[in-house]
C-alpha atoms as a PDB file:
ATOM      1  CA  MET A   1      11.839 -26.447  47.657  1.00  0.00           C
ATOM      2  CA  HIS A   2       9.012 -23.884  47.852  1.00  0.00           C
ATOM      3  CA  HIS A   3      11.447 -20.951  47.507  1.00  0.00           C
ATOM      4  CA  LEU A   4      13.241 -22.652  44.600  1.00  0.00           C
ATOM      5  CA  LEU A   5       9.936 -23.259  42.812  1.00  0.00           C
ATOM      6  CA  LYS A   6       9.000 -19.584  43.290  1.00  0.00           C
ATOM      7  CA  CYS A   7      12.338 -18.503  41.830  1.00  0.00           C
ATOM      8  CA  ILE A   8      11.963 -20.793  38.823  1.00  0.00           C
ATOM      9  CA  VAL A   9       8.416 -19.594  38.107  1.00  0.00           C
ATOM     10  CA  PHE A  10       9.391 -15.940  38.507  1.00  0.00           C
ATOM     11  CA  ASN A  11      12.372 -16.363  36.179  1.00  0.00           C
ATOM     12  CA  LEU A  12      10.117 -18.020  33.586  1.00  0.00           C
ATOM     13  CA  ILE A  13       7.712 -15.100  33.868  1.00  0.00           C
ATOM     14  CA  LEU A  14      10.538 -12.631  33.325  1.00  0.00           C
ATOM     15  CA  LEU A  15      11.850 -14.637  30.374  1.00  0.00           C
ATOM     16  CA  THR A  16       8.384 -14.735  28.840  1.00  0.00           C
ATOM     17  CA  ALA A  17       7.990 -11.011  29.419  1.00  0.00           C
ATOM     18  CA  THR A  18      11.289 -10.359  27.695  1.00  0.00           C
ATOM     19  CA  ILE A  19      10.399 -12.531  24.698  1.00  0.00           C
ATOM     20  CA  GLN A  20       6.786 -11.406  24.321  1.00  0.00           C
ATOM     21  CA  ALA A  21       7.035  -7.808  25.563  1.00  0.00           C
ATOM     22  CA  HIS A  22       4.281  -5.482  24.429  1.00  0.00           C
ATOM     23  CA  ALA A  23       4.112  -1.978  25.807  1.00  0.00           C
ATOM     24  CA  VAL A  24       1.246   0.390  26.320  1.00  0.00           C
ATOM     25  CA  ALA A  25       3.933   2.691  27.720  1.00  0.00           C
ATOM     26  CA  PRO A  26       7.556   2.304  26.607  1.00  0.00           C
ATOM     27  CA  CYS A  27       9.804   0.033  28.628  1.00  0.00           C
ATOM     28  CA  SER A  28      12.010   3.047  29.367  1.00  0.00           C
ATOM     29  CA  SER A  29       9.162   4.572  31.428  1.00  0.00           C
ATOM     30  CA  MET A  30       9.611   1.938  34.168  1.00  0.00           C
ATOM     31  CA  SER A  31      11.054   3.068  37.473  1.00  0.00           C
ATOM     32  CA  THR A  32      14.002   1.123  38.881  1.00  0.00           C
ATOM     33  CA  GLY A  33      14.503  -0.320  42.359  1.00  0.00           C
ATOM     34  CA  ILE A  34      12.828  -2.692  44.774  1.00  0.00           C
ATOM     35  CA  ASP A  35       9.114  -3.134  43.988  1.00  0.00           C
ATOM     36  CA  ALA A  36       9.387  -0.271  41.478  1.00  0.00           C
ATOM     37  CA  THR A  37       6.374   0.728  39.417  1.00  0.00           C
ATOM     38  CA  LEU A  38       6.146  -0.237  35.762  1.00  0.00           C
ATOM     39  CA  ASN A  39       4.459   3.132  35.042  1.00  0.00           C
ATOM     40  CA  GLY A  40       1.991   1.721  32.544  1.00  0.00           C
ATOM     41  CA  TYR A  41       4.393  -0.735  30.860  1.00  0.00           C
ATOM     42  CA  VAL A  42       2.495  -3.944  30.086  1.00  0.00           C
ATOM     43  CA  PRO A  43       4.909  -6.890  29.726  1.00  0.00           C
ATOM     44  CA  PHE A  44       2.383  -9.374  28.325  1.00  0.00           C
ATOM     45  CA  THR A  45       0.164  -9.027  25.278  1.00  0.00           C
ATOM     46  CA  ALA A  46      -3.527  -9.856  25.532  1.00  0.00           C
ATOM     47  CA  ALA A  47      -2.793 -13.030  23.534  1.00  0.00           C
ATOM     48  CA  SER A  48      -0.016 -14.124  25.928  1.00  0.00           C
ATOM     49  CA  PRO A  49      -0.619 -17.399  27.797  1.00  0.00           C
ATOM     50  CA  TRP A  50      -0.236 -15.386  31.023  1.00  0.00           C
ATOM     51  CA  ASN A  51      -3.440 -13.497  30.137  1.00  0.00           C
ATOM     52  CA  GLN A  52      -5.602 -16.463  29.149  1.00  0.00           C
ATOM     53  CA  THR A  53      -8.394 -17.852  31.260  1.00  0.00           C
ATOM     54  CA  ILE A  54      -7.830 -21.441  32.334  1.00  0.00           C
ATOM     55  CA  LEU A  55     -11.315 -22.044  33.682  1.00  0.00           C
ATOM     56  CA  ASN A  56     -12.157 -24.624  31.027  1.00  0.00           C
ATOM     57  CA  ALA A  57      -8.629 -25.805  30.268  1.00  0.00           C
ATOM     58  CA  PRO A  58      -7.983 -29.546  30.589  1.00  0.00           C
ATOM     59  CA  VAL A  59      -6.087 -30.792  33.618  1.00  0.00           C
ATOM     60  CA  ASP A  60      -2.454 -31.517  32.828  1.00  0.00           C
ATOM     61  CA  PRO A  61      -1.938 -35.295  32.387  1.00  0.00           C
ATOM     62  CA  ASN A  62       1.008 -35.067  34.808  1.00  0.00           C
ATOM     63  CA  SER A  63      -1.028 -33.209  37.452  1.00  0.00           C
ATOM     64  CA  ALA A  64      -1.319 -36.134  39.884  1.00  0.00           C
ATOM     65  CA  ALA A  65       2.449 -36.703  39.808  1.00  0.00           C
ATOM     66  CA  ILE A  66       3.149 -33.006  40.442  1.00  0.00           C
ATOM     67  CA  ILE A  67       0.692 -32.901  43.353  1.00  0.00           C
ATOM     68  CA  SER A  68       2.174 -36.117  44.734  1.00  0.00           C
ATOM     69  CA  TYR A  69       5.694 -34.629  44.526  1.00  0.00           C
ATOM     70  CA  ILE A  70       4.658 -31.408  46.297  1.00  0.00           C
ATOM     71  CA  GLY A  71       2.366 -33.191  48.757  1.00  0.00           C
ATOM     72  CA  SER A  72      -1.419 -33.117  48.724  1.00  0.00           C
ATOM     73  CA  SER A  73      -1.594 -31.919  52.338  1.00  0.00           C
ATOM     74  CA  VAL A  74       0.640 -28.886  51.774  1.00  0.00           C
ATOM     75  CA  GLY A  75      -1.316 -25.641  51.997  1.00  0.00           C
ATOM     76  CA  VAL A  76      -1.480 -23.298  49.032  1.00  0.00           C
ATOM     77  CA  HIS A  77       0.371 -20.019  49.452  1.00  0.00           C
ATOM     78  CA  PRO A  78      -0.629 -17.761  46.581  1.00  0.00           C
ATOM     79  CA  ASP A  79       1.682 -14.817  46.031  1.00  0.00           C
ATOM     80  CA  PHE A  80      -0.716 -12.766  43.967  1.00  0.00           C
ATOM     81  CA  GLY A  81      -1.377  -9.131  44.693  1.00  0.00           C
ATOM     82  CA  SER A  82       0.694  -6.708  46.692  1.00  0.00           C
ATOM     83  CA  GLY A  83       0.629  -4.932  50.009  1.00  0.00           C
ATOM     84  CA  THR A  84      -0.481  -6.716  53.157  1.00  0.00           C
ATOM     85  CA  TYR A  85      -3.130  -9.260  54.085  1.00  0.00           C
ATOM     86  CA  GLY A  86      -3.824 -10.365  57.629  1.00  0.00           C
ATOM     87  CA  GLY A  87      -0.827  -8.354  58.830  1.00  0.00           C
ATOM     88  CA  SER A  88       1.605 -10.150  56.499  1.00  0.00           C
ATOM     89  CA  ILE A  89       3.285  -8.838  53.373  1.00  0.00           C
ATOM     90  CA  ILE A  90       1.963 -10.561  50.244  1.00  0.00           C
ATOM     91  CA  GLY A  91       3.177 -10.715  46.665  1.00  0.00           C
ATOM     92  CA  ILE A  92       6.419 -11.746  45.015  1.00  0.00           C
ATOM     93  CA  PRO A  93       9.135  -9.164  45.633  1.00  0.00           C
ATOM     94  CA  TYR A  94      11.018  -7.956  42.586  1.00  0.00           C
ATOM     95  CA  VAL A  95      13.656  -5.445  41.570  1.00  0.00           C
ATOM     96  CA  VAL A  96      13.491  -3.488  38.307  1.00  0.00           C
ATOM     97  CA  VAL A  97      16.965  -2.765  36.965  1.00  0.00           C
ATOM     98  CA  ASP A  98      18.211  -0.689  34.072  1.00  0.00           C
ATOM     99  CA  THR A  99      20.451  -1.850  31.221  1.00  0.00           C
ATOM    100  CA  HIS A 100      23.608  -0.961  33.142  1.00  0.00           C
ATOM    101  CA  ASN A 101      23.226  -3.893  35.557  1.00  0.00           C
ATOM    102  CA  LEU A 102      25.127  -7.079  34.884  1.00  0.00           C
ATOM    103  CA  ARG A 103      23.027 -10.238  34.719  1.00  0.00           C
END
């Protein structure tokens, strides 16, 4: 379940990036391959929901049901950042592909 949820969230992020792409550097400047660098390409605009603070946002009305489904005693495993932490690799792995790859 956890892996499936990660995949769904990551695919939504990629879909959002594709729909709302805004580049400081052109998309063509991205490197390809596993964990490739975006070389200055910024996939989300400053106005994108992915760049908004949620500090004062209201709690989702369905929050209790979501937490109940996941389990309130399940530990949080954030996949933010990259590199290693405590000897373990952190972050969500990704592969940047060019337009010649089939989807």
